[in-house]
Amino acid sequence: MAVADASGRMVAAHGMSLNAVLPELDAGLSYDQPLYHGAFDVAYLGQRYGRAYYGMDTRFLRKAENQLVHQSVLIALTEIALTLALLAGIGFWLTRHLTMLTRAALKVARGDFAVSFPKMGEDEVGVLSRAFDTMAKAVEVRIAQLDEGQRRFRAIADYTYGWECWFDAEGRLRWVNPAVERISGYSPRDCHAMADFPLGLVEPEDREGLRIHLADAKLGTTGDREEFRIRHKDGHLIWVAMSWLPVLDDEAKSLGFRVSLRDITERKQSAEMLIAAKGELERLLFAASHDLQEPVRSVLIHLQRLEREAGEALTGEAAHCLQLVRTGGNQLDLLVKGLQAFSRSDRPMSAFIPIELTHLVEKVTTHLASQAWSANPMFDIDPLPVLPGDPGLLFIMFEAVIGNGVKFVEPGIRPAVRITAQVESHGDVHGWRIDVMDNGIGIEEPYLQSIFRPFSRLHSRATYPGAGLGLASAQKIAAIHGGSIWLESKPGHGTTAHIWLPRPGDRRDRGHVDG
């Protein structure tokens, strides 16, 4: 270091000679120069006294800089480490309960509901923990209820004797119970593997009808007792009856439809056997009644001849025996005729044709008025409709019903029968109700149903002769025509027989007579 006065003369020096030449001053400090030369003015109270020159080794600056950089890096790393530790501590403190909630949620998801939390504070995490605890218990109860409902459903559905199916709203099979294997031989797994279940099991002739029923079921309709054939897995044919109804949720939204099927093969076979036996019995009954007509007629003819030729000569016991034979013969004749009418009552002799019931009933009343046992009856016939039917069977039916009104009257009372008609609908079926009203002895209410049984009688043959088959035949004939017959009566006040017969078309017009 050196000091010069105001004139530039060296007055002091350190580290160099007073006579040495001063080095040139450096423009700036640089690490590339090992020695820095600088100068500054020496002044006091505004008076400049000289100039000080100095030289400075720059190596310590590099060392200082390196030390400063190292210290700065160390401080920064320390700050980062402390910050991370602080954040980790704060994060653990804030999320430790959330971690517990996460683990608990995973346990609940796996079905482990034995989850409980220690008491926590009133902050948001504590509230959330208590809410989760409550939710977990509620879910456990709900799942227990669902499990119980599932067990009950399986106990009922899987052990139902009938074959039950559930189809979704698109008609796809969603569930079928194990009974399908007992009935059809196919397991539930087989059924789910079928692309067109249950059509693939159905006989080809019956598939189109079933396809229509399934399409109706998808639209929300119901159906019952639709019968068709299916082919068992082992190849034999069985009959089933199908019922279906829609399945809805609590908001009445369609979930599809349920189908119930039951095996009716034995019933169908029994019905076929019963029909065959019934037909054979009817043929036997008709043949027997027809074959008995001739001998009965012969007996009655010879009785009449015997009465004409020897009636006055017979007295006492002989006359009484002749009377008994004549009574028995007449009763046998009535019985044979009744059996013949009864055997014909469920076999139409021709196709149904339009029949003027007014004209037919007039023929019946004319026939009844000509009978020897009728006591000059009176008939009042209102205009009656024209309805389709078998003329022979309808004649038998009206003869039996009107004949009872003529026959069952008190002694000395002239029979009076009135026949009327009015429109009446039974459900969706439109028809006519024909009323036959008499002034007879009437029927006690307990017998209004049993009187329709074959050979049913309420009075002795001596008082009111007959075979006891008239109303039974009338009931069968009404059923053949799609109708029905019933009685209303009160002892001593006559009887009204109601005969309801359906009519073609769906009109509900009243106040006029068809045809």
Protein backbone atom coordinates (compact mmCIF):
# COMPACT_ATOMS: atom_id res chain seq x y z
CA MET A 1 0.00 0.00 0.00
CA ALA A 2 1.30 3.51 -0.81
CA VAL A 3 0.19 7.11 -0.14
CA ALA A 4 0.92 10.08 -2.42
CA ASP A 5 0.41 13.74 -1.67
CA ALA A 6 -1.59 16.14 -3.73
CA SER A 7 1.35 16.60 -6.12
CA GLY A 8 1.71 12.83 -6.65
CA ARG A 9 4.88 12.35 -4.68
CA MET A 10 5.09 9.17 -2.64
CA VAL A 11 5.09 9.99 1.04
CA ALA A 12 4.50 6.52 2.56
CA ALA A 13 4.63 2.90 1.40
CA HIS A 14 4.07 -0.58 2.82
CA GLY A 15 5.05 -3.66 1.06
CA MET A 16 6.80 -1.74 -1.65
CA SER A 17 9.64 0.85 -2.14
CA LEU A 18 8.99 4.61 -2.13
CA ASN A 19 10.82 4.82 -5.38
CA ALA A 20 8.80 2.06 -7.06
CA VAL A 21 6.57 2.90 -9.93
CA LEU A 22 2.92 2.59 -9.08
CA PRO A 23 1.06 -0.08 -11.07
CA GLU A 24 -1.78 0.80 -13.32
CA LEU A 25 -5.15 0.80 -11.70
CA ASP A 26 -7.55 -2.07 -12.65
CA ALA A 27 -10.84 -1.15 -14.14
CA GLY A 28 -12.70 -3.70 -12.04
CA LEU A 29 -12.39 -6.64 -9.67
CA SER A 30 -11.94 -9.98 -11.45
CA TYR A 31 -11.28 -13.52 -10.25
CA ASP A 32 -9.01 -13.97 -13.29
CA GLN A 33 -6.41 -11.48 -11.83
CA PRO A 34 -4.47 -12.73 -8.85
CA LEU A 35 -3.90 -9.15 -7.62
CA TYR A 36 -6.24 -6.20 -7.77
CA HIS A 37 -4.83 -2.62 -7.96
CA GLY A 38 -7.01 0.21 -6.79
CA ALA A 39 -6.86 3.73 -5.36
CA PHE A 40 -9.00 6.25 -3.50
CA ASP A 41 -8.68 9.92 -2.62
CA VAL A 42 -7.62 11.10 0.87
CA ALA A 43 -9.76 14.14 1.80
CA TYR A 44 -10.79 15.92 4.96
CA LEU A 45 -13.46 18.58 5.28
CA GLY A 46 -13.66 18.81 1.55
CA GLN A 47 -9.93 19.38 1.16
CA ARG A 48 -8.08 16.78 -0.91
CA TYR A 49 -4.70 15.92 0.58
CA GLY A 50 -3.57 13.11 -1.62
CA ARG A 51 -4.33 9.64 -2.92
CA ALA A 52 -3.98 6.15 -1.42
CA TYR A 53 -2.94 3.24 -3.65
CA TYR A 54 -3.40 -0.42 -2.67
CA GLY A 55 -3.03 -3.89 -4.03
CA MET A 56 -5.33 -6.73 -2.90
CA ASP A 57 -4.95 -10.47 -3.35
CA THR A 58 -8.22 -11.84 -4.94
CA ARG A 59 -7.75 -15.50 -3.91
CA PHE A 60 -9.52 -15.05 -0.60
CA LEU A 61 -12.60 -13.80 -2.45
CA ARG A 62 -12.89 -17.08 -4.35
CA LYS A 63 -12.42 -18.96 -1.12
CA ALA A 64 -15.01 -16.83 0.61
CA GLU A 65 -17.38 -17.27 -2.27
CA ASN A 66 -17.02 -21.02 -2.13
CA GLN A 67 -17.58 -21.00 1.59
CA LEU A 68 -20.63 -18.81 1.19
CA VAL A 69 -22.06 -21.09 -1.50
CA HIS A 70 -21.50 -24.15 0.70
CA GLN A 71 -23.11 -22.47 3.65
CA SER A 72 -26.06 -21.35 1.53
CA VAL A 73 -26.58 -24.86 0.16
CA LEU A 74 -26.39 -26.34 3.61
CA ILE A 75 -28.85 -23.79 4.97
CA ALA A 76 -31.21 -24.47 2.04
CA LEU A 77 -31.04 -28.24 2.54
CA THR A 78 -31.63 -27.80 6.23
CA GLU A 79 -34.64 -25.62 5.56
CA ILE A 80 -36.02 -28.12 3.06
CA ALA A 81 -35.55 -31.00 5.47
CA LEU A 82 -37.18 -29.09 8.29
CA THR A 83 -40.04 -28.04 6.00
CA LEU A 84 -40.62 -31.61 4.87
CA ALA A 85 -40.53 -32.88 8.40
CA LEU A 86 -42.95 -30.21 9.48
CA LEU A 87 -45.28 -30.95 6.59
CA ALA A 88 -45.09 -34.67 7.29
CA GLY A 89 -45.89 -34.10 10.93
CA ILE A 90 -48.76 -31.77 10.12
CA GLY A 91 -50.00 -34.18 7.42
CA PHE A 92 -49.89 -37.15 9.77
CA TRP A 93 -51.65 -35.17 12.45
CA LEU A 94 -54.37 -34.05 10.06
CA THR A 95 -54.83 -37.31 8.11
CA ARG A 96 -54.35 -39.99 10.74
CA HIS A 97 -58.16 -40.25 11.23
CA LEU A 98 -58.76 -40.13 7.48
CA THR A 99 -56.38 -43.09 7.14
CA MET A 100 -58.37 -44.93 9.76
CA LEU A 101 -61.56 -44.11 7.82
CA THR A 102 -60.00 -45.39 4.61
CA ARG A 103 -58.98 -48.67 6.21
CA ALA A 104 -62.40 -49.00 7.79
CA ALA A 105 -64.09 -48.37 4.44
CA LEU A 106 -62.01 -51.15 2.86
CA LYS A 107 -63.04 -53.51 5.67
CA VAL A 108 -66.71 -52.64 5.18
CA ALA A 109 -66.30 -53.21 1.45
CA ARG A 110 -64.98 -56.71 2.23
CA GLY A 111 -67.96 -57.41 4.48
CA ASP A 112 -66.25 -56.86 7.84
CA PHE A 113 -68.59 -54.63 9.82
CA ALA A 114 -66.80 -54.99 13.18
CA VAL A 115 -65.46 -51.44 12.85
CA SER A 116 -65.48 -48.90 15.66
CA PHE A 117 -63.69 -45.58 16.22
CA PRO A 118 -62.38 -44.02 19.44
CA LYS A 119 -64.01 -40.86 20.61
CA MET A 120 -62.69 -37.88 18.68
CA GLY A 121 -63.06 -34.15 18.88
CA GLU A 122 -65.77 -31.93 17.57
CA ASP A 123 -63.88 -30.91 14.45
CA GLU A 124 -64.82 -31.94 10.94
CA VAL A 125 -62.84 -35.18 11.12
CA GLY A 126 -64.53 -36.18 14.35
CA VAL A 127 -67.99 -35.50 12.89
CA LEU A 128 -67.04 -37.46 9.79
CA SER A 129 -65.80 -40.40 11.89
CA ARG A 130 -69.02 -40.59 13.89
CA ALA A 131 -71.10 -40.35 10.70
CA PHE A 132 -69.06 -43.18 9.16
CA ASP A 133 -69.53 -45.31 12.28
CA THR A 134 -73.28 -44.77 12.13
CA MET A 135 -73.32 -45.53 8.41
CA ALA A 136 -71.34 -48.77 8.88
CA LYS A 137 -73.80 -50.01 11.52
CA ALA A 138 -76.77 -49.07 9.31
CA VAL A 139 -75.22 -50.86 6.34
CA GLU A 140 -74.61 -53.93 8.51
CA VAL A 141 -78.27 -53.99 9.59
CA ARG A 142 -79.48 -53.44 6.04
CA ILE A 143 -77.27 -56.19 4.63
CA ALA A 144 -78.47 -58.53 7.38
CA GLN A 145 -82.04 -57.74 6.37
CA LEU A 146 -81.20 -58.33 2.72
CA ASP A 147 -79.53 -61.64 3.58
CA GLU A 148 -82.58 -62.68 5.57
CA GLY A 149 -84.86 -61.65 2.68
CA GLN A 150 -82.63 -63.57 0.27
CA ARG A 151 -82.80 -66.68 2.45
CA ARG A 152 -86.58 -66.42 2.67
CA PHE A 153 -86.85 -65.86 -1.07
CA ARG A 154 -84.69 -68.91 -1.74
CA ALA A 155 -86.61 -70.97 0.78
CA ILE A 156 -89.83 -70.15 -1.06
CA ALA A 157 -88.72 -69.82 -4.68
CA ASP A 158 -86.20 -72.65 -4.87
CA TYR A 159 -88.52 -75.09 -3.15
CA THR A 160 -91.71 -74.11 -4.94
CA TYR A 161 -93.27 -77.18 -6.51
CA GLY A 162 -94.13 -75.32 -9.70
CA TRP A 163 -91.70 -74.17 -12.36
CA GLU A 164 -91.13 -70.42 -11.81
CA CYS A 165 -89.30 -67.98 -14.11
CA TRP A 166 -88.55 -64.26 -14.12
CA PHE A 167 -87.98 -62.41 -17.38
CA ASP A 168 -86.78 -58.80 -17.55
CA ALA A 169 -88.53 -56.02 -19.44
CA GLU A 170 -86.72 -57.07 -22.64
CA GLY A 171 -87.93 -60.65 -22.34
CA ARG A 172 -84.55 -62.09 -21.28
CA LEU A 173 -84.50 -64.85 -18.67
CA ARG A 174 -83.17 -63.51 -15.36
CA TRP A 175 -84.01 -66.35 -12.97
CA VAL A 176 -85.54 -69.83 -12.99
CA ASN A 177 -86.04 -72.10 -9.99
CA PRO A 178 -84.75 -75.69 -9.64
CA ALA A 179 -88.23 -77.15 -10.24
CA VAL A 180 -87.60 -76.71 -13.97
CA GLU A 181 -85.27 -79.72 -13.85
CA ARG A 182 -87.86 -81.92 -12.17
CA ILE A 183 -90.48 -81.03 -14.78
CA SER A 184 -88.47 -80.65 -18.00
CA GLY A 185 -85.20 -82.43 -17.24
CA TYR A 186 -83.19 -79.25 -17.93
CA SER A 187 -81.22 -77.60 -15.12
CA PRO A 188 -81.37 -73.83 -14.48
CA ARG A 189 -77.88 -73.59 -16.02
CA ASP A 190 -79.19 -75.29 -19.18
CA CYS A 191 -82.10 -72.86 -19.33
CA HIS A 192 -79.86 -69.79 -19.05
CA ALA A 193 -77.68 -71.17 -21.85
CA MET A 194 -80.67 -71.40 -24.23
CA ALA A 195 -80.96 -68.45 -26.60
CA ASP A 196 -84.75 -68.67 -26.96
CA PHE A 197 -85.86 -70.11 -23.63
CA PRO A 198 -88.51 -71.44 -23.20
CA LEU A 199 -89.49 -71.65 -26.89
CA GLY A 200 -86.74 -74.18 -27.52
CA LEU A 201 -88.52 -76.69 -25.27
CA VAL A 202 -91.96 -76.22 -26.83
CA GLU A 203 -93.40 -78.43 -29.53
CA PRO A 204 -93.22 -76.67 -32.93
CA GLU A 205 -97.01 -76.67 -33.33
CA ASP A 206 -97.43 -74.77 -30.04
CA ARG A 207 -94.58 -72.26 -30.36
CA GLU A 208 -96.42 -69.52 -32.22
CA GLY A 209 -99.17 -69.37 -29.62
CA LEU A 210 -96.62 -69.23 -26.79
CA ARG A 211 -94.64 -66.53 -28.63
CA ILE A 212 -97.79 -64.39 -28.74
CA HIS A 213 -98.41 -64.91 -25.01
CA LEU A 214 -94.83 -63.93 -24.13
CA ALA A 215 -95.12 -60.81 -26.28
CA ASP A 216 -98.32 -59.91 -24.41
CA ALA A 217 -96.56 -60.50 -21.08
CA LYS A 218 -93.82 -58.00 -22.06
CA LEU A 219 -96.59 -55.41 -22.51
CA GLY A 220 -97.72 -55.88 -18.89
CA THR A 221 -100.73 -58.16 -19.41
CA THR A 222 -101.68 -61.13 -17.26
CA GLY A 223 -102.74 -64.60 -18.31
CA ASP A 224 -103.72 -67.89 -16.77
CA ARG A 225 -103.99 -71.58 -17.63
CA GLU A 226 -102.56 -71.39 -21.15
CA GLU A 227 -101.76 -75.00 -22.02
CA PHE A 228 -99.08 -76.26 -24.40
CA ARG A 229 -96.69 -79.17 -24.86
CA ILE A 230 -92.97 -79.29 -24.19
CA ARG A 231 -90.42 -81.96 -24.98
CA HIS A 232 -88.68 -83.42 -21.92
CA LYS A 233 -84.90 -83.72 -22.02
CA ASP A 234 -85.23 -87.50 -22.30
CA GLY A 235 -87.57 -87.11 -25.29
CA HIS A 236 -91.06 -87.77 -23.94
CA LEU A 237 -93.86 -85.23 -24.28
CA ILE A 238 -95.45 -83.44 -21.32
CA TRP A 239 -98.28 -80.94 -20.97
CA VAL A 240 -97.82 -77.74 -18.94
CA ALA A 241 -100.16 -74.90 -17.99
CA MET A 242 -98.67 -71.39 -17.92
CA SER A 243 -99.71 -68.29 -15.98
CA TRP A 244 -97.97 -64.92 -16.05
CA LEU A 245 -98.21 -61.49 -14.45
CA PRO A 246 -96.12 -58.28 -14.52
CA VAL A 247 -93.43 -57.53 -11.90
CA LEU A 248 -93.27 -53.89 -10.72
CA ASP A 249 -91.04 -52.01 -8.31
CA ASP A 250 -92.21 -49.62 -5.57
CA GLU A 251 -92.59 -46.85 -8.15
CA ALA A 252 -94.69 -49.04 -10.48
CA LYS A 253 -91.80 -49.29 -12.93
CA SER A 254 -91.70 -52.53 -14.88
CA LEU A 255 -89.10 -55.07 -13.83
CA GLY A 256 -90.33 -57.60 -16.37
CA PHE A 257 -92.79 -60.42 -15.80
CA ARG A 258 -93.07 -63.64 -13.86
CA VAL A 259 -94.09 -66.94 -15.44
CA SER A 260 -95.42 -69.94 -13.51
CA LEU A 261 -95.71 -73.35 -15.16
CA ARG A 262 -97.05 -76.58 -13.74
CA ASP A 263 -97.10 -80.10 -15.08
CA ILE A 264 -100.64 -81.11 -16.09
CA THR A 265 -99.73 -84.25 -18.03
CA GLU A 266 -101.52 -86.59 -15.61
CA ARG A 267 -104.55 -84.32 -15.55
CA LYS A 268 -104.69 -84.21 -19.34
CA GLN A 269 -104.40 -87.99 -19.54
CA SER A 270 -107.08 -88.41 -16.88
CA ALA A 271 -109.32 -85.92 -18.68
CA GLU A 272 -108.89 -87.79 -21.96
CA MET A 273 -109.69 -91.08 -20.25
CA LEU A 274 -112.68 -89.48 -18.54
CA ILE A 275 -113.96 -88.04 -21.82
CA ALA A 276 -113.57 -91.42 -23.48
CA ALA A 277 -115.38 -93.17 -20.61
CA LYS A 278 -118.09 -90.50 -20.57
CA GLY A 279 -118.61 -90.89 -24.30
CA GLU A 280 -118.84 -94.67 -23.95
CA LEU A 281 -121.30 -94.33 -21.09
CA GLU A 282 -123.44 -91.89 -23.07
CA ARG A 283 -123.46 -94.21 -26.06
CA LEU A 284 -124.43 -97.10 -23.77
CA LEU A 285 -127.15 -95.01 -22.10
CA PHE A 286 -128.54 -93.84 -25.44
CA ALA A 287 -128.53 -97.37 -26.84
CA ALA A 288 -130.17 -98.80 -23.72
CA SER A 289 -132.89 -96.11 -23.62
CA HIS A 290 -133.51 -96.52 -27.33
CA ASP A 291 -133.69 -100.33 -27.09
CA LEU A 292 -136.05 -100.13 -24.09
CA GLN A 293 -138.55 -97.95 -25.91
CA GLU A 294 -140.01 -100.73 -27.99
CA PRO A 295 -140.64 -103.26 -25.17
CA VAL A 296 -142.10 -100.54 -22.94
CA ARG A 297 -144.37 -99.39 -25.74
CA SER A 298 -145.44 -103.00 -26.32
CA VAL A 299 -146.25 -103.45 -22.63
CA LEU A 300 -148.39 -100.31 -22.57
CA ILE A 301 -150.22 -101.28 -25.76
CA HIS A 302 -151.07 -104.73 -24.40
CA LEU A 303 -152.16 -103.21 -21.10
CA GLN A 304 -154.56 -100.91 -22.95
CA ARG A 305 -155.89 -103.90 -24.95
CA LEU A 306 -156.31 -105.92 -21.76
CA GLU A 307 -158.22 -103.09 -20.12
CA ARG A 308 -160.55 -102.75 -23.09
CA GLU A 309 -161.33 -106.47 -23.35
CA ALA A 310 -161.32 -107.57 -19.74
CA GLY A 311 -161.32 -104.42 -17.68
CA GLU A 312 -164.94 -104.68 -16.52
CA ALA A 313 -164.55 -108.36 -15.74
CA LEU A 314 -161.57 -107.76 -13.41
CA THR A 315 -162.46 -106.95 -9.86
CA GLY A 316 -160.81 -106.79 -6.49
CA GLU A 317 -157.19 -107.84 -6.36
CA ALA A 318 -156.94 -108.45 -10.12
CA ALA A 319 -158.11 -104.89 -10.94
CA HIS A 320 -155.68 -103.49 -8.39
CA CYS A 321 -152.78 -105.44 -9.90
CA LEU A 322 -153.71 -104.19 -13.37
CA GLN A 323 -153.68 -100.62 -12.06
CA LEU A 324 -150.23 -101.15 -10.52
CA VAL A 325 -148.90 -102.57 -13.79
CA ARG A 326 -150.31 -99.63 -15.76
CA THR A 327 -148.78 -97.11 -13.30
CA GLY A 328 -145.44 -98.87 -13.41
CA GLY A 329 -145.53 -99.04 -17.19
CA ASN A 330 -146.26 -95.32 -17.51
CA GLN A 331 -143.45 -94.51 -15.06
CA LEU A 332 -141.10 -96.77 -16.98
CA ASP A 333 -142.08 -95.02 -20.19
CA LEU A 334 -141.32 -91.63 -18.60
CA LEU A 335 -137.99 -92.93 -17.32
CA VAL A 336 -136.95 -94.28 -20.72
CA LYS A 337 -137.92 -91.03 -22.43
CA GLY A 338 -136.06 -89.06 -19.75
CA LEU A 339 -132.96 -91.19 -20.16
CA GLN A 340 -133.10 -90.74 -23.91
CA ALA A 341 -133.42 -86.95 -23.56
CA PHE A 342 -130.65 -86.86 -20.93
CA SER A 343 -128.29 -88.89 -23.13
CA ARG A 344 -128.90 -86.47 -26.00
CA SER A 345 -128.64 -83.32 -23.89
CA ASP A 346 -124.88 -82.85 -24.32
CA ARG A 347 -124.57 -84.00 -27.93
CA PRO A 348 -125.79 -81.43 -30.48
CA MET A 349 -127.42 -83.22 -33.39
CA SER A 350 -126.51 -80.46 -35.86
CA ALA A 351 -124.49 -77.27 -36.19
CA PHE A 352 -125.86 -74.22 -34.40
CA ILE A 353 -128.27 -72.22 -36.52
CA PRO A 354 -130.33 -69.08 -35.83
CA ILE A 355 -133.48 -70.14 -34.00
CA GLU A 356 -136.62 -68.09 -33.49
CA LEU A 357 -137.23 -68.90 -29.84
CA THR A 358 -140.76 -67.53 -29.98
CA HIS A 359 -141.72 -70.10 -32.60
CA LEU A 360 -139.85 -72.90 -30.80
CA VAL A 361 -141.48 -72.16 -27.42
CA GLU A 362 -144.92 -72.06 -29.07
CA LYS A 363 -144.28 -75.57 -30.42
CA VAL A 364 -143.27 -76.69 -26.93
CA THR A 365 -146.40 -75.25 -25.30
CA THR A 366 -148.61 -76.81 -27.97
CA HIS A 367 -146.99 -80.18 -27.32
CA LEU A 368 -147.41 -79.83 -23.53
CA ALA A 369 -151.04 -78.75 -23.83
CA SER A 370 -151.81 -81.96 -25.74
CA GLN A 371 -150.47 -84.22 -22.99
CA ALA A 372 -153.07 -86.19 -21.05
CA TRP A 373 -151.64 -85.19 -17.67
CA SER A 374 -151.76 -81.44 -18.35
CA ALA A 375 -154.76 -79.63 -16.84
CA ASN A 376 -155.60 -77.14 -19.64
CA PRO A 377 -152.60 -74.87 -18.95
CA MET A 378 -152.46 -71.17 -19.86
CA PHE A 379 -149.39 -69.77 -21.60
CA ASP A 380 -148.40 -66.12 -21.96
CA ILE A 381 -145.41 -65.73 -24.30
CA ASP A 382 -143.67 -62.41 -24.85
CA PRO A 383 -141.61 -61.85 -28.02
CA LEU A 384 -138.39 -63.83 -27.68
CA PRO A 385 -135.04 -63.28 -29.43
CA VAL A 386 -133.39 -65.14 -32.26
CA LEU A 387 -130.30 -66.95 -30.96
CA PRO A 388 -127.93 -69.56 -32.39
CA GLY A 389 -128.39 -73.09 -31.12
CA ASP A 390 -129.38 -76.68 -31.73
CA PRO A 391 -133.16 -76.78 -32.29
CA GLY A 392 -133.59 -80.33 -30.97
CA LEU A 393 -131.71 -79.67 -27.74
CA LEU A 394 -133.39 -76.33 -27.11
CA PHE A 395 -136.78 -78.00 -27.58
CA ILE A 396 -135.83 -80.56 -24.88
CA MET A 397 -134.64 -77.80 -22.54
CA PHE A 398 -137.76 -75.62 -22.82
CA GLU A 399 -140.00 -78.68 -22.66
CA ALA A 400 -138.40 -79.71 -19.34
CA VAL A 401 -138.55 -76.23 -17.78
CA ILE A 402 -142.04 -75.24 -19.00
CA GLY A 403 -143.31 -78.78 -18.35
CA ASN A 404 -142.36 -78.48 -14.68
CA GLY A 405 -144.44 -75.28 -14.47
CA VAL A 406 -147.41 -77.17 -15.89
CA LYS A 407 -146.93 -80.29 -13.79
CA PHE A 408 -146.12 -79.03 -10.31
CA VAL A 409 -149.33 -77.19 -9.33
CA GLU A 410 -151.77 -77.69 -6.51
CA PRO A 411 -154.73 -79.96 -7.33
CA GLY A 412 -157.63 -77.98 -8.76
CA ILE A 413 -155.40 -75.05 -9.83
CA ARG A 414 -155.14 -74.31 -13.54
CA PRO A 415 -151.46 -74.05 -14.51
CA ALA A 416 -150.38 -70.61 -15.75
CA VAL A 417 -146.92 -70.07 -17.26
CA ARG A 418 -145.47 -66.77 -18.46
CA ILE A 419 -142.33 -66.59 -20.64
CA THR A 420 -140.42 -63.27 -21.02
CA ALA A 421 -137.00 -62.17 -22.25
CA GLN A 422 -134.63 -59.31 -21.56
CA VAL A 423 -131.06 -58.38 -22.47
CA GLU A 424 -128.49 -59.23 -19.80
CA SER A 425 -124.68 -59.32 -19.85
CA HIS A 426 -122.54 -61.63 -17.75
CA GLY A 427 -119.18 -59.87 -17.48
CA ASP A 428 -118.01 -59.08 -21.00
CA VAL A 429 -120.38 -61.60 -22.59
CA HIS A 430 -123.67 -60.24 -23.88
CA GLY A 431 -126.81 -62.33 -23.99
CA TRP A 432 -130.47 -62.77 -23.22
CA ARG A 433 -132.14 -63.92 -20.02
CA ILE A 434 -135.36 -65.85 -20.61
CA ASP A 435 -137.63 -66.15 -17.57
CA VAL A 436 -140.19 -68.95 -17.21
CA MET A 437 -142.60 -68.04 -14.37
CA ASP A 438 -145.31 -70.39 -13.09
CA ASN A 439 -147.99 -70.46 -10.39
CA GLY A 440 -146.97 -73.86 -9.04
CA ILE A 441 -146.25 -75.21 -5.60
CA GLY A 442 -142.74 -73.72 -5.45
CA ILE A 443 -139.46 -75.12 -4.10
CA GLU A 444 -137.84 -74.65 -0.73
CA GLU A 445 -134.58 -72.71 -0.93
CA PRO A 446 -132.25 -75.52 0.29
CA TYR A 447 -133.26 -77.59 -2.78
CA LEU A 448 -132.79 -74.93 -5.49
CA GLN A 449 -129.34 -76.35 -6.34
CA SER A 450 -129.74 -80.06 -5.65
CA ILE A 451 -132.86 -80.29 -7.81
CA PHE A 452 -130.57 -80.15 -10.87
CA ARG A 453 -128.92 -83.48 -10.00
CA PRO A 454 -130.04 -86.48 -12.13
CA PHE A 455 -132.93 -88.48 -10.61
CA SER A 456 -133.42 -85.80 -7.96
CA ARG A 457 -137.03 -85.70 -6.72
CA LEU A 458 -138.81 -83.66 -4.06
CA HIS A 459 -142.17 -85.45 -4.32
CA SER A 460 -143.37 -89.03 -4.74
CA ARG A 461 -143.99 -90.42 -8.23
CA ALA A 462 -147.58 -91.12 -7.28
CA THR A 463 -148.20 -87.41 -6.65
CA TYR A 464 -146.09 -85.97 -9.47
CA PRO A 465 -144.91 -88.60 -11.96
CA GLY A 466 -141.61 -88.17 -13.78
CA ALA A 467 -138.07 -89.48 -14.19
CA GLY A 468 -136.25 -86.71 -12.28
CA LEU A 469 -134.04 -85.93 -15.28
CA GLY A 470 -135.72 -82.87 -16.81
CA LEU A 471 -133.77 -80.09 -15.05
CA ALA A 472 -130.52 -82.07 -15.26
CA SER A 473 -130.94 -82.27 -19.03
CA ALA A 474 -131.90 -78.58 -19.22
CA GLN A 475 -128.77 -77.56 -17.31
CA LYS A 476 -126.49 -79.57 -19.62
CA ILE A 477 -128.15 -78.11 -22.73
CA ALA A 478 -127.79 -74.55 -21.43
CA ALA A 479 -124.09 -75.20 -20.74
CA ILE A 480 -123.57 -76.58 -24.28
CA HIS A 481 -124.94 -73.30 -25.64
CA GLY A 482 -122.56 -71.31 -23.42
CA GLY A 483 -125.33 -70.32 -21.01
CA SER A 484 -126.65 -71.23 -17.60
CA ILE A 485 -129.89 -71.89 -15.75
CA TRP A 486 -130.93 -71.17 -12.18
CA LEU A 487 -134.13 -71.05 -10.13
CA GLU A 488 -135.85 -68.59 -7.81
CA SER A 489 -138.77 -69.89 -5.81
CA LYS A 490 -140.79 -69.68 -2.64
CA PRO A 491 -143.11 -72.47 -1.48
CA GLY A 492 -146.71 -71.67 -2.39
CA HIS A 493 -145.76 -68.75 -4.66
CA GLY A 494 -144.53 -70.47 -7.79
CA THR A 495 -141.10 -70.78 -9.38
CA THR A 496 -139.15 -68.68 -11.88
CA ALA A 497 -136.57 -70.45 -14.00
CA HIS A 498 -133.94 -68.10 -15.44
CA ILE A 499 -132.25 -69.29 -18.64
CA TRP A 500 -129.33 -67.16 -19.84
CA LEU A 501 -128.03 -67.70 -23.37
CA PRO A 502 -125.23 -65.70 -25.07
CA ARG A 503 -125.83 -63.89 -28.32
CA PRO A 504 -123.39 -63.15 -31.16
CA GLY A 505 -121.76 -59.70 -31.36
CA ASP A 506 -121.02 -57.29 -28.54
CA ARG A 507 -123.99 -54.92 -28.57
CA ARG A 508 -125.71 -53.89 -25.35
CA ASP A 509 -128.93 -52.63 -26.88
CA ARG A 510 -132.09 -53.09 -24.85
CA GLY A 511 -135.74 -52.66 -25.48
CA HIS A 512 -136.02 -54.63 -28.70
CA VAL A 513 -135.96 -58.24 -29.79
CA ASP A 514 -133.20 -59.50 -32.09
CA GLY A 515 -134.30 -60.80 -35.47
